[in-house]
């Protein structure tokens, strides 16, 4: 009787209970995953207004930055601003030449080769004035060399890059 009782008990465990332990482990793992998802969603819901405010702020900042990028029709005016800035700084202007546009993800880069000459302080004033332009203009590949034997006059070659927004990427 004990042997039959033991076989029934062992068979019941083997066929009915053992599979339930595996299912329990799966359910416990699923519970932990669902709790994590719940916590993430609860955090997002609790901070939804903060996220919306951040998104609005980012859109306003992006819009303001895009407005600083010249459109195709504003490029001649920008070239004129750079020319006037050079002349206003007291520099002798040798060249302001627009290069081929380089397309990027959502903007286009417009390189402008500039060659000027003048004193160190005039060059510094020019660089500072270009940085103060209302449009985004960055200066790259700056090269300064002395002109003549006295070293008072310097020749500067620089690539100015301005950017324009490409609507539709």
N, C-alpha and C. Protein backbone atom coordinates (compact mmCIF):
# COMPACT_ATOMS: atom_id res chain seq x y z
N UNK A 1 0.84 -1.18 0.00
CA UNK A 1 0.00 0.00 0.00
C UNK A 1 0.89 1.25 0.00
N UNK A 2 1.97 1.20 0.81
CA UNK A 2 2.88 2.35 0.84
C UNK A 2 3.57 2.53 -0.51
N UNK A 3 3.93 1.42 -1.14
CA UNK A 3 4.57 1.49 -2.44
C UNK A 3 3.62 2.09 -3.48
N UNK A 4 2.38 1.68 -3.51
CA UNK A 4 1.39 2.22 -4.44
C UNK A 4 1.13 3.69 -4.12
N UNK A 5 1.03 3.98 -2.82
CA UNK A 5 0.81 5.37 -2.42
C UNK A 5 1.99 6.24 -2.87
N UNK A 6 3.22 5.75 -2.72
CA UNK A 6 4.42 6.47 -3.13
C UNK A 6 4.46 6.66 -4.64
N UNK A 7 4.08 5.60 -5.39
CA UNK A 7 4.05 5.72 -6.85
C UNK A 7 3.00 6.73 -7.30
N UNK A 8 1.85 6.75 -6.67
CA UNK A 8 0.80 7.71 -7.02
C UNK A 8 1.27 9.13 -6.69
N UNK A 9 1.87 9.27 -5.52
CA UNK A 9 2.36 10.58 -5.11
C UNK A 9 3.49 11.04 -6.05
N UNK A 10 4.43 10.16 -6.36
CA UNK A 10 5.53 10.50 -7.28
C UNK A 10 5.02 10.78 -8.68
N UNK A 11 4.09 9.97 -9.17
CA UNK A 11 3.52 10.19 -10.51
C UNK A 11 2.75 11.50 -10.57
N UNK A 12 2.00 11.77 -9.49
CA UNK A 12 1.25 13.04 -9.46
C UNK A 12 2.19 14.24 -9.50
N UNK A 13 3.29 14.15 -8.74
CA UNK A 13 4.28 15.24 -8.76
C UNK A 13 4.87 15.36 -10.16
N UNK A 14 5.28 14.22 -10.71
CA UNK A 14 5.96 14.21 -12.01
C UNK A 14 5.08 14.76 -13.14
N UNK A 15 3.82 14.37 -13.16
CA UNK A 15 2.94 14.75 -14.27
C UNK A 15 2.17 16.06 -14.05
N UNK A 16 1.91 16.41 -12.80
CA UNK A 16 1.06 17.57 -12.55
C UNK A 16 1.82 18.74 -11.91
N UNK A 17 2.62 18.51 -10.92
CA UNK A 17 3.24 19.58 -10.15
C UNK A 17 4.52 20.10 -10.79
N UNK A 18 5.35 19.20 -11.33
CA UNK A 18 6.63 19.61 -11.89
C UNK A 18 6.45 20.66 -13.00
N UNK A 19 5.50 20.48 -13.88
CA UNK A 19 5.24 21.45 -14.95
C UNK A 19 4.74 22.79 -14.41
N UNK A 20 4.04 22.73 -13.28
CA UNK A 20 3.54 23.96 -12.68
C UNK A 20 4.68 24.84 -12.14
N UNK A 21 5.75 24.19 -11.64
CA UNK A 21 6.91 24.97 -11.16
C UNK A 21 7.58 25.71 -12.33
N UNK A 22 7.67 25.06 -13.48
CA UNK A 22 8.25 25.71 -14.66
C UNK A 22 7.38 26.90 -15.08
N UNK A 23 6.05 26.69 -15.06
CA UNK A 23 5.14 27.78 -15.40
C UNK A 23 5.25 28.91 -14.38
N UNK A 24 5.42 28.57 -13.11
CA UNK A 24 5.57 29.58 -12.06
C UNK A 24 6.81 30.43 -12.31
N UNK A 25 7.92 29.78 -12.69
CA UNK A 25 9.15 30.52 -12.99
C UNK A 25 8.93 31.49 -14.16
N UNK A 26 8.20 31.02 -15.19
CA UNK A 26 7.91 31.87 -16.34
C UNK A 26 7.04 33.06 -15.94
N UNK A 27 6.04 32.79 -15.11
CA UNK A 27 5.13 33.85 -14.67
C UNK A 27 5.87 34.87 -13.80
N UNK A 28 6.76 34.40 -12.93
CA UNK A 28 7.54 35.32 -12.09
C UNK A 28 8.43 36.21 -12.96
N UNK A 29 9.07 35.62 -13.98
CA UNK A 29 9.91 36.41 -14.88
C UNK A 29 9.05 37.43 -15.65
N UNK A 30 7.88 37.01 -16.10
CA UNK A 30 6.98 37.91 -16.83
C UNK A 30 6.49 39.03 -15.92
N UNK A 31 6.26 38.71 -14.64
CA UNK A 31 5.83 39.72 -13.67
C UNK A 31 6.89 40.81 -13.52
N UNK A 32 8.15 40.40 -13.41
CA UNK A 32 9.23 41.38 -13.27
C UNK A 32 9.31 42.27 -14.51
N UNK A 33 9.15 41.66 -15.69
CA UNK A 33 9.18 42.43 -16.94
C UNK A 33 8.02 43.42 -16.99
N UNK A 34 6.83 42.96 -16.61
CA UNK A 34 5.65 43.83 -16.63
C UNK A 34 5.77 44.96 -15.60
N UNK A 35 6.37 44.67 -14.44
CA UNK A 35 6.58 45.72 -13.45
C UNK A 35 7.52 46.79 -14.00
N UNK A 36 8.57 46.36 -14.70
CA UNK A 36 9.51 47.32 -15.29
C UNK A 36 8.82 48.18 -16.34
N UNK A 37 7.99 47.54 -17.18
CA UNK A 37 7.24 48.29 -18.19
C UNK A 37 6.28 49.28 -17.52
N UNK A 38 5.65 48.84 -16.45
CA UNK A 38 4.72 49.71 -15.73
C UNK A 38 5.45 50.91 -15.14
N UNK A 39 6.62 50.67 -14.55
CA UNK A 39 7.40 51.77 -13.96
C UNK A 39 7.81 52.77 -15.05
N UNK A 40 8.25 52.27 -16.19
CA UNK A 40 8.65 53.16 -17.29
C UNK A 40 7.46 53.99 -17.77
N UNK A 41 6.31 53.34 -17.95
CA UNK A 41 5.14 54.05 -18.42
C UNK A 41 4.62 55.03 -17.37
N UNK A 42 4.68 54.65 -16.10
CA UNK A 42 4.24 55.55 -15.03
C UNK A 42 5.15 56.78 -14.97
N UNK A 43 6.46 56.59 -15.16
CA UNK A 43 7.41 57.71 -15.19
C UNK A 43 7.08 58.65 -16.34
N UNK A 44 6.81 58.06 -17.51
CA UNK A 44 6.48 58.89 -18.68
C UNK A 44 5.19 59.67 -18.46
N UNK A 45 4.19 59.02 -17.87
CA UNK A 45 2.92 59.68 -17.63
C UNK A 45 3.10 60.79 -16.59
N UNK A 46 3.87 60.52 -15.55
CA UNK A 46 4.08 61.51 -14.50
C UNK A 46 4.83 62.72 -15.04
N UNK A 47 5.71 62.51 -16.01
CA UNK A 47 6.52 63.60 -16.55
C UNK A 47 6.08 64.04 -17.94
N UNK A 48 4.88 63.67 -18.34
CA UNK A 48 4.41 63.98 -19.68
C UNK A 48 4.43 65.48 -19.96
N UNK A 49 3.96 66.28 -19.02
CA UNK A 49 3.92 67.72 -19.24
C UNK A 49 5.34 68.29 -19.34
N UNK A 50 6.25 67.78 -18.53
CA UNK A 50 7.64 68.22 -18.60
C UNK A 50 8.22 67.89 -19.97
N UNK A 51 7.96 66.68 -20.46
CA UNK A 51 8.44 66.27 -21.78
C UNK A 51 7.84 67.15 -22.88
N UNK A 52 6.55 67.46 -22.76
CA UNK A 52 5.90 68.31 -23.76
C UNK A 52 6.53 69.70 -23.76
N UNK A 53 6.79 70.24 -22.56
CA UNK A 53 7.42 71.56 -22.45
C UNK A 53 8.82 71.54 -23.06
N UNK A 54 9.57 70.47 -22.79
CA UNK A 54 10.91 70.35 -23.36
C UNK A 54 10.84 70.27 -24.88
N UNK A 55 9.87 69.55 -25.39
CA UNK A 55 9.71 69.42 -26.84
C UNK A 55 9.39 70.77 -27.46
N UNK A 56 8.49 71.53 -26.84
CA UNK A 56 8.17 72.86 -27.35
C UNK A 56 9.39 73.77 -27.33
N UNK A 57 10.15 73.71 -26.25
CA UNK A 57 11.37 74.52 -26.13
C UNK A 57 12.39 74.14 -27.21
N UNK A 58 12.55 72.83 -27.45
CA UNK A 58 13.48 72.37 -28.47
C UNK A 58 13.02 72.81 -29.86
N UNK A 59 11.71 72.77 -30.12
CA UNK A 59 11.19 73.20 -31.41
C UNK A 59 11.42 74.70 -31.61
N UNK A 60 11.23 75.49 -30.54
CA UNK A 60 11.47 76.93 -30.63
C UNK A 60 12.95 77.21 -30.89
N UNK A 61 13.83 76.49 -30.19
CA UNK A 61 15.27 76.67 -30.38
C UNK A 61 15.66 76.28 -31.79
N UNK A 62 15.16 75.15 -32.26
CA UNK A 62 15.45 74.70 -33.62
C UNK A 62 14.96 75.72 -34.64
N UNK A 63 13.76 76.24 -34.42
CA UNK A 63 13.20 77.24 -35.34
C UNK A 63 14.07 78.49 -35.36
N UNK A 64 14.54 78.92 -34.18
CA UNK A 64 15.39 80.11 -34.12
C UNK A 64 16.72 79.86 -34.83
N UNK A 65 17.27 78.66 -34.69
CA UNK A 65 18.53 78.34 -35.36
C UNK A 65 18.34 78.24 -36.87
N UNK A 66 17.22 77.66 -37.29
CA UNK A 66 16.95 77.55 -38.72
C UNK A 66 16.80 78.94 -39.33
N UNK A 67 16.23 79.88 -38.57
CA UNK A 67 16.07 81.24 -39.08
C UNK A 67 17.43 81.92 -39.27
N UNK A 68 18.45 81.48 -38.53
CA UNK A 68 19.78 82.04 -38.68
C UNK A 68 20.50 81.49 -39.91
N UNK A 69 19.96 80.43 -40.49
CA UNK A 69 20.55 79.88 -41.69
C UNK A 69 20.00 80.63 -42.89
N UNK A 70 20.87 81.14 -43.75
CA UNK A 70 20.36 81.91 -44.89
C UNK A 70 19.69 81.02 -45.92
N UNK A 71 18.72 81.58 -46.60
CA UNK A 71 18.12 80.87 -47.73
C UNK A 71 18.97 81.18 -48.95
N UNK A 72 18.66 80.55 -50.06
CA UNK A 72 19.44 80.77 -51.28
C UNK A 72 19.41 82.24 -51.69
N UNK A 73 18.29 82.91 -51.46
CA UNK A 73 18.17 84.30 -51.87
C UNK A 73 18.96 85.24 -50.97
N UNK A 74 19.36 84.80 -49.78
CA UNK A 74 20.09 85.65 -48.85
C UNK A 74 21.61 85.51 -48.98
N UNK A 75 22.09 84.55 -49.76
CA UNK A 75 23.53 84.33 -49.90
C UNK A 75 24.24 85.54 -50.48
N UNK A 76 23.73 86.18 -51.55
CA UNK A 76 24.42 87.38 -52.05
C UNK A 76 24.54 88.47 -50.98
N UNK A 77 23.50 88.64 -50.19
CA UNK A 77 23.55 89.62 -49.10
C UNK A 77 24.59 89.26 -48.07
N UNK A 78 24.74 87.96 -47.81
CA UNK A 78 25.75 87.52 -46.86
C UNK A 78 27.15 87.77 -47.40
N UNK A 79 27.34 87.51 -48.70
CA UNK A 79 28.63 87.81 -49.32
C UNK A 79 28.93 89.31 -49.23
N UNK A 80 27.92 90.12 -49.43
CA UNK A 80 28.08 91.57 -49.31
C UNK A 80 28.43 91.95 -47.87
N UNK A 81 27.77 91.32 -46.88
CA UNK A 81 28.08 91.59 -45.47
C UNK A 81 29.53 91.24 -45.16
N UNK A 82 30.02 90.10 -45.67
CA UNK A 82 31.40 89.69 -45.43
C UNK A 82 32.36 90.69 -46.08
N UNK A 83 32.04 91.11 -47.30
CA UNK A 83 32.88 92.10 -48.00
C UNK A 83 32.91 93.41 -47.24
N UNK A 84 31.74 93.89 -46.82
CA UNK A 84 31.68 95.14 -46.06
C UNK A 84 32.40 95.03 -44.72
N UNK A 85 32.31 93.86 -44.10
CA UNK A 85 33.00 93.64 -42.83
C UNK A 85 34.51 93.72 -43.04
N UNK A 86 35.00 93.12 -44.12
CA UNK A 86 36.44 93.17 -44.41
C UNK A 86 36.89 94.60 -44.66
N UNK A 87 36.16 95.31 -45.48
CA UNK A 87 36.52 96.69 -45.80
C UNK A 87 36.39 97.58 -44.56
N UNK A 88 35.32 97.35 -43.79
CA UNK A 88 35.12 98.13 -42.56
C UNK A 88 36.19 97.87 -41.52
N UNK A 89 36.81 96.71 -41.56
CA UNK A 89 37.90 96.40 -40.63
C UNK A 89 39.23 96.98 -41.08
N UNK A 90 39.23 97.62 -42.26
CA UNK A 90 40.44 98.23 -42.78
C UNK A 90 41.31 97.28 -43.58
N UNK A 91 40.77 96.16 -43.99
CA UNK A 91 41.55 95.17 -44.73
C UNK A 91 41.52 95.46 -46.23
N UNK A 92 42.55 95.00 -46.90
CA UNK A 92 42.58 95.02 -48.35
C UNK A 92 42.03 93.68 -48.81
N UNK A 93 40.99 93.71 -49.60
CA UNK A 93 40.29 92.50 -50.00
C UNK A 93 40.82 92.00 -51.35
N UNK A 94 41.36 90.78 -51.38
CA UNK A 94 41.84 90.20 -52.63
C UNK A 94 40.78 89.32 -53.28
N UNK A 95 40.07 88.51 -52.47
CA UNK A 95 39.11 87.58 -53.05
C UNK A 95 38.03 87.19 -52.05
N UNK A 96 36.81 87.14 -52.53
CA UNK A 96 35.68 86.53 -51.83
C UNK A 96 34.99 85.68 -52.88
N UNK A 97 35.14 84.36 -52.76
CA UNK A 97 34.67 83.48 -53.81
C UNK A 97 33.82 82.35 -53.22
N UNK A 98 32.59 82.28 -53.68
CA UNK A 98 31.68 81.23 -53.24
C UNK A 98 32.06 79.92 -53.93
N UNK A 99 32.18 78.85 -53.15
CA UNK A 99 32.53 77.52 -53.67
C UNK A 99 31.26 76.69 -53.86
N UNK A 100 31.43 75.49 -54.36
CA UNK A 100 30.28 74.59 -54.60
C UNK A 100 29.63 74.19 -53.27
N UNK A 101 28.32 74.16 -53.30
CA UNK A 101 27.54 73.77 -52.13
C UNK A 101 27.77 72.31 -51.79
N UNK A 102 27.87 72.02 -50.49
CA UNK A 102 28.03 70.64 -50.03
C UNK A 102 26.78 70.27 -49.24
N UNK A 103 26.07 69.25 -49.70
CA UNK A 103 24.81 68.85 -49.07
C UNK A 103 25.08 67.92 -47.88
N UNK A 104 24.37 68.16 -46.81
CA UNK A 104 24.43 67.34 -45.60
C UNK A 104 23.02 66.81 -45.33
N UNK A 105 22.81 66.26 -44.14
CA UNK A 105 21.52 65.64 -43.81
C UNK A 105 20.34 66.58 -44.05
N UNK A 106 20.23 67.65 -43.27
CA UNK A 106 19.10 68.55 -43.39
C UNK A 106 19.53 69.98 -43.71
N UNK A 107 20.81 70.14 -44.00
CA UNK A 107 21.30 71.47 -44.33
C UNK A 107 22.32 71.37 -45.46
N UNK A 108 22.62 72.50 -46.02
CA UNK A 108 23.65 72.58 -47.05
C UNK A 108 24.73 73.52 -46.55
N UNK A 109 25.96 73.16 -46.81
CA UNK A 109 27.11 73.94 -46.38
C UNK A 109 27.62 74.73 -47.59
N UNK A 110 27.81 76.03 -47.40
CA UNK A 110 28.27 76.89 -48.48
C UNK A 110 29.64 77.46 -48.13
N UNK A 111 30.72 76.89 -48.66
CA UNK A 111 32.05 77.42 -48.36
C UNK A 111 32.34 78.68 -49.18
N UNK A 112 33.02 79.63 -48.55
CA UNK A 112 33.40 80.88 -49.20
C UNK A 112 34.89 81.10 -48.94
N UNK A 113 35.68 81.12 -50.01
CA UNK A 113 37.11 81.40 -49.86
C UNK A 113 37.31 82.90 -49.75
N UNK A 114 38.07 83.31 -48.75
CA UNK A 114 38.32 84.74 -48.51
C UNK A 114 39.82 84.94 -48.41
N UNK A 115 40.33 85.94 -49.15
CA UNK A 115 41.73 86.33 -49.05
C UNK A 115 41.77 87.83 -48.78
N UNK A 116 42.38 88.19 -47.66
CA UNK A 116 42.50 89.59 -47.27
C UNK A 116 43.90 89.85 -46.76
N UNK A 117 44.26 91.12 -46.68
CA UNK A 117 45.54 91.47 -46.08
C UNK A 117 45.36 92.74 -45.26
N UNK A 118 46.17 92.85 -44.22
CA UNK A 118 46.11 93.99 -43.33
C UNK A 118 46.93 93.71 -42.09
N UNK A 119 46.78 94.56 -41.10
CA UNK A 119 47.53 94.38 -39.85
C UNK A 119 46.88 93.29 -39.00
N UNK A 120 47.61 92.88 -38.00
CA UNK A 120 47.12 91.84 -37.09
C UNK A 120 45.80 92.27 -36.46
N UNK A 121 45.73 93.50 -36.00
CA UNK A 121 44.52 93.98 -35.34
C UNK A 121 43.35 94.09 -36.31
N UNK A 122 43.62 94.45 -37.55
CA UNK A 122 42.55 94.51 -38.55
C UNK A 122 42.02 93.11 -38.85
N UNK A 123 42.92 92.13 -38.92
CA UNK A 123 42.49 90.74 -39.13
C UNK A 123 41.63 90.26 -37.96
N UNK A 124 42.07 90.59 -36.75
CA UNK A 124 41.32 90.18 -35.56
C UNK A 124 39.94 90.85 -35.53
N UNK A 125 39.88 92.11 -35.92
CA UNK A 125 38.60 92.82 -35.97
C UNK A 125 37.68 92.17 -36.99
N UNK A 126 38.23 91.78 -38.14
CA UNK A 126 37.45 91.12 -39.18
C UNK A 126 36.87 89.80 -38.67
N UNK A 127 37.72 88.98 -38.06
CA UNK A 127 37.26 87.68 -37.55
C UNK A 127 36.17 87.88 -36.51
N UNK A 128 36.36 88.84 -35.62
CA UNK A 128 35.36 89.13 -34.60
C UNK A 128 34.06 89.62 -35.22
N UNK A 129 34.16 90.46 -36.23
CA UNK A 129 32.96 91.00 -36.89
C UNK A 129 32.20 89.92 -37.66
N UNK A 130 32.93 88.99 -38.27
CA UNK A 130 32.26 87.88 -38.97
C UNK A 130 31.50 87.02 -37.95
N UNK A 131 32.10 86.81 -36.79
CA UNK A 131 31.43 86.02 -35.75
C UNK A 131 30.16 86.71 -35.25
N UNK A 132 30.12 88.04 -35.36
CA UNK A 132 28.97 88.80 -34.87
C UNK A 132 27.87 88.98 -35.91
N UNK A 133 28.09 88.46 -37.12
CA UNK A 133 27.05 88.58 -38.15
C UNK A 133 25.77 87.88 -37.69
N UNK A 134 24.60 88.36 -38.15
CA UNK A 134 23.35 87.76 -37.70
C UNK A 134 23.12 86.34 -38.24
N UNK A 135 23.88 85.93 -39.23
CA UNK A 135 23.78 84.58 -39.78
C UNK A 135 24.92 83.74 -39.24
N UNK A 136 24.72 82.43 -39.23
CA UNK A 136 25.76 81.52 -38.76
C UNK A 136 26.84 81.42 -39.82
N UNK A 137 28.04 81.84 -39.44
CA UNK A 137 29.21 81.75 -40.32
C UNK A 137 30.36 81.24 -39.47
N UNK A 138 30.98 80.15 -39.90
CA UNK A 138 32.14 79.62 -39.18
C UNK A 138 33.37 79.76 -40.06
N UNK A 139 34.52 79.95 -39.43
CA UNK A 139 35.76 80.14 -40.16
C UNK A 139 36.63 78.89 -40.01
N UNK A 140 37.19 78.41 -41.13
CA UNK A 140 37.97 77.18 -41.15
C UNK A 140 39.24 77.40 -41.97
N UNK A 141 40.21 76.54 -41.75
CA UNK A 141 41.45 76.51 -42.54
C UNK A 141 42.10 77.89 -42.63
N UNK A 142 42.21 78.55 -41.51
CA UNK A 142 42.78 79.88 -41.44
C UNK A 142 44.29 79.82 -41.64
N UNK A 143 44.81 80.64 -42.52
CA UNK A 143 46.24 80.69 -42.80
C UNK A 143 46.67 82.15 -42.83
N UNK A 144 47.64 82.51 -42.00
CA UNK A 144 48.15 83.88 -41.95
C UNK A 144 49.64 83.85 -42.25
N UNK A 145 50.05 84.70 -43.20
CA UNK A 145 51.46 84.79 -43.59
C UNK A 145 51.86 86.25 -43.69
N UNK A 146 53.10 86.56 -43.34
CA UNK A 146 53.56 87.95 -43.48
C UNK A 146 53.73 88.33 -44.95
N UNK A 147 53.44 89.60 -45.25
CA UNK A 147 53.62 90.13 -46.60
C UNK A 147 54.76 91.13 -46.53
N UNK A 148 55.77 90.97 -47.37
CA UNK A 148 56.90 91.89 -47.38
C UNK A 148 57.90 91.55 -46.28
N UNK A 149 58.91 92.42 -46.19
CA UNK A 149 60.01 92.16 -45.25
C UNK A 149 59.76 92.73 -43.86
N UNK A 150 58.96 93.79 -43.77
CA UNK A 150 58.78 94.44 -42.46
C UNK A 150 57.88 93.64 -41.52
N UNK A 151 56.99 92.81 -42.03
CA UNK A 151 56.15 91.94 -41.22
C UNK A 151 54.96 92.65 -40.60
N UNK A 152 54.76 93.94 -40.93
CA UNK A 152 53.60 94.66 -40.39
C UNK A 152 52.31 94.26 -41.08
N UNK A 153 52.41 93.93 -42.34
CA UNK A 153 51.21 93.54 -43.08
C UNK A 153 51.16 92.02 -43.19
N UNK A 154 49.97 91.48 -42.96
CA UNK A 154 49.76 90.04 -42.99
C UNK A 154 48.71 89.70 -44.05
N UNK A 155 48.89 88.57 -44.70
CA UNK A 155 47.90 88.06 -45.65
C UNK A 155 47.18 86.89 -44.99
N UNK A 156 45.88 86.91 -45.04
CA UNK A 156 45.09 85.84 -44.43
C UNK A 156 44.23 85.18 -45.50
N UNK A 157 44.27 83.86 -45.51
CA UNK A 157 43.37 83.09 -46.36
C UNK A 157 42.54 82.23 -45.41
N UNK A 158 41.24 82.27 -45.58
CA UNK A 158 40.34 81.55 -44.69
C UNK A 158 39.14 81.07 -45.50
N UNK A 159 38.59 79.95 -45.07
CA UNK A 159 37.35 79.45 -45.66
C UNK A 159 36.24 79.71 -44.66
N UNK A 160 35.32 80.58 -45.05
CA UNK A 160 34.14 80.84 -44.24
C UNK A 160 33.06 79.88 -44.71
N UNK A 161 32.37 79.30 -43.77
CA UNK A 161 31.26 78.39 -44.14
C UNK A 161 29.98 78.91 -43.53
N UNK A 162 29.01 79.03 -44.37
CA UNK A 162 27.68 79.37 -43.89
C UNK A 162 26.78 78.20 -44.24
N UNK A 163 25.65 78.15 -43.63
CA UNK A 163 24.79 76.98 -43.76
C UNK A 163 23.40 77.46 -44.10
N UNK A 164 22.70 76.66 -44.88
CA UNK A 164 21.30 76.95 -45.14
C UNK A 164 20.47 75.68 -44.92
N UNK A 165 19.28 75.89 -44.46
CA UNK A 165 18.37 74.78 -44.18
C UNK A 165 17.84 74.23 -45.49
N UNK A 166 17.87 72.91 -45.60
CA UNK A 166 17.31 72.23 -46.78
C UNK A 166 15.95 71.68 -46.39
N UNK A 167 14.91 72.36 -46.77
CA UNK A 167 13.56 71.89 -46.46
C UNK A 167 13.34 70.54 -47.14
N UNK A 168 12.82 69.61 -46.40
CA UNK A 168 12.52 68.29 -46.94
C UNK A 168 13.72 67.37 -46.94
N UNK A 169 14.83 67.77 -46.31
CA UNK A 169 16.01 66.92 -46.15
C UNK A 169 16.66 66.61 -47.41
